């Protein structure tokens, strides 16, 4: 007898582009990570250093 209360939902497997090749996806991931890092730093009252154009 199987326990149906702890059944794991199956997720359909969809072919996705590799985020390291798909620049639009990579850009969205980087932007989201930056926003979250800035918010966490602000909540923790940490200083932030931002580099623009490699300087």
C-alpha atoms as a PDB file:
ATOM      1  CA  UNK A   1       0.000   0.000   0.000  1.00  0.00           C
ATOM      2  CA  UNK A   2       1.331   3.450  -0.882  1.00  0.00           C
ATOM      3  CA  UNK A   3       0.942   6.612   1.130  1.00  0.00           C
ATOM      4  CA  UNK A   4      -0.921   9.148  -1.028  1.00  0.00           C
ATOM      5  CA  UNK A   5      -0.733  11.983   1.510  1.00  0.00           C
ATOM      6  CA  UNK A   6       2.978  12.514   0.818  1.00  0.00           C
ATOM      7  CA  UNK A   7       2.764  12.196  -2.940  1.00  0.00           C
ATOM      8  CA  UNK A   8       5.244  14.335  -4.842  1.00  0.00           C
ATOM      9  CA  UNK A   9       3.794  16.321  -7.700  1.00  0.00           C
ATOM     10  CA  UNK A  10       5.443  15.668 -11.013  1.00  0.00           C
ATOM     11  CA  UNK A  11       6.696  18.654 -12.911  1.00  0.00           C
ATOM     12  CA  UNK A  12       6.551  18.483 -16.678  1.00  0.00           C
ATOM     13  CA  UNK A  13       9.950  18.676 -18.255  1.00  0.00           C
ATOM     14  CA  UNK A  14      10.142  21.590 -20.649  1.00  0.00           C
ATOM     15  CA  UNK A  15      13.166  22.260 -22.774  1.00  0.00           C
ATOM     16  CA  UNK A  16      14.751  25.464 -21.583  1.00  0.00           C
ATOM     17  CA  UNK A  17      17.513  27.534 -23.007  1.00  0.00           C
ATOM     18  CA  UNK A  18      20.806  27.444 -21.139  1.00  0.00           C
ATOM     19  CA  UNK A  19      20.878  30.747 -19.178  1.00  0.00           C
ATOM     20  CA  UNK A  20      24.606  31.099 -19.817  1.00  0.00           C
ATOM     21  CA  UNK A  21      23.978  31.100 -23.565  1.00  0.00           C
ATOM     22  CA  UNK A  22      20.640  32.947 -23.607  1.00  0.00           C
ATOM     23  CA  UNK A  23      21.742  36.517 -22.821  1.00  0.00           C
ATOM     24  CA  UNK A  24      18.214  37.784 -22.158  1.00  0.00           C
ATOM     25  CA  UNK A  25      17.705  35.197 -19.410  1.00  0.00           C
ATOM     26  CA  UNK A  26      21.192  35.775 -18.006  1.00  0.00           C
ATOM     27  CA  UNK A  27      20.550  39.525 -17.898  1.00  0.00           C
ATOM     28  CA  UNK A  28      17.262  39.009 -16.036  1.00  0.00           C
ATOM     29  CA  UNK A  29      18.944  36.701 -13.510  1.00  0.00           C
ATOM     30  CA  UNK A  30      21.759  39.208 -12.932  1.00  0.00           C
ATOM     31  CA  UNK A  31      19.327  42.105 -12.488  1.00  0.00           C
ATOM     32  CA  UNK A  32      17.225  40.147  -9.998  1.00  0.00           C
ATOM     33  CA  UNK A  33      20.314  39.086  -8.038  1.00  0.00           C
ATOM     34  CA  UNK A  34      21.556  42.687  -7.917  1.00  0.00           C
ATOM     35  CA  UNK A  35      18.235  44.015  -6.655  1.00  0.00           C
ATOM     36  CA  UNK A  36      18.027  41.367  -3.939  1.00  0.00           C
ATOM     37  CA  UNK A  37      21.649  41.920  -2.885  1.00  0.00           C
ATOM     38  CA  UNK A  38      21.073  45.683  -2.590  1.00  0.00           C
ATOM     39  CA  UNK A  39      17.914  45.152  -0.515  1.00  0.00           C
ATOM     40  CA  UNK A  40      19.659  42.700   1.828  1.00  0.00           C
ATOM     41  CA  UNK A  41      22.628  45.035   2.232  1.00  0.00           C
ATOM     42  CA  UNK A  42      20.293  47.931   3.004  1.00  0.00           C
ATOM     43  CA  UNK A  43      18.373  45.856   5.578  1.00  0.00           C
ATOM     44  CA  UNK A  44      21.664  44.898   7.252  1.00  0.00           C
ATOM     45  CA  UNK A  45      22.991  48.472   7.064  1.00  0.00           C
ATOM     46  CA  UNK A  46      26.003  47.332   5.051  1.00  0.00           C
ATOM     47  CA  UNK A  47      27.915  49.564   2.675  1.00  0.00           C
ATOM     48  CA  UNK A  48      27.583  49.004  -1.060  1.00  0.00           C
ATOM     49  CA  UNK A  49      30.285  49.548  -3.678  1.00  0.00           C
ATOM     50  CA  UNK A  50      29.065  49.789  -7.258  1.00  0.00           C
ATOM     51  CA  UNK A  51      31.436  49.590 -10.211  1.00  0.00           C
ATOM     52  CA  UNK A  52      30.393  51.117 -13.512  1.00  0.00           C
ATOM     53  CA  UNK A  53      32.145  50.617 -16.819  1.00  0.00           C
ATOM     54  CA  UNK A  54      34.929  48.617 -15.171  1.00  0.00           C
ATOM     55  CA  UNK A  55      36.130  51.460 -12.953  1.00  0.00           C
END
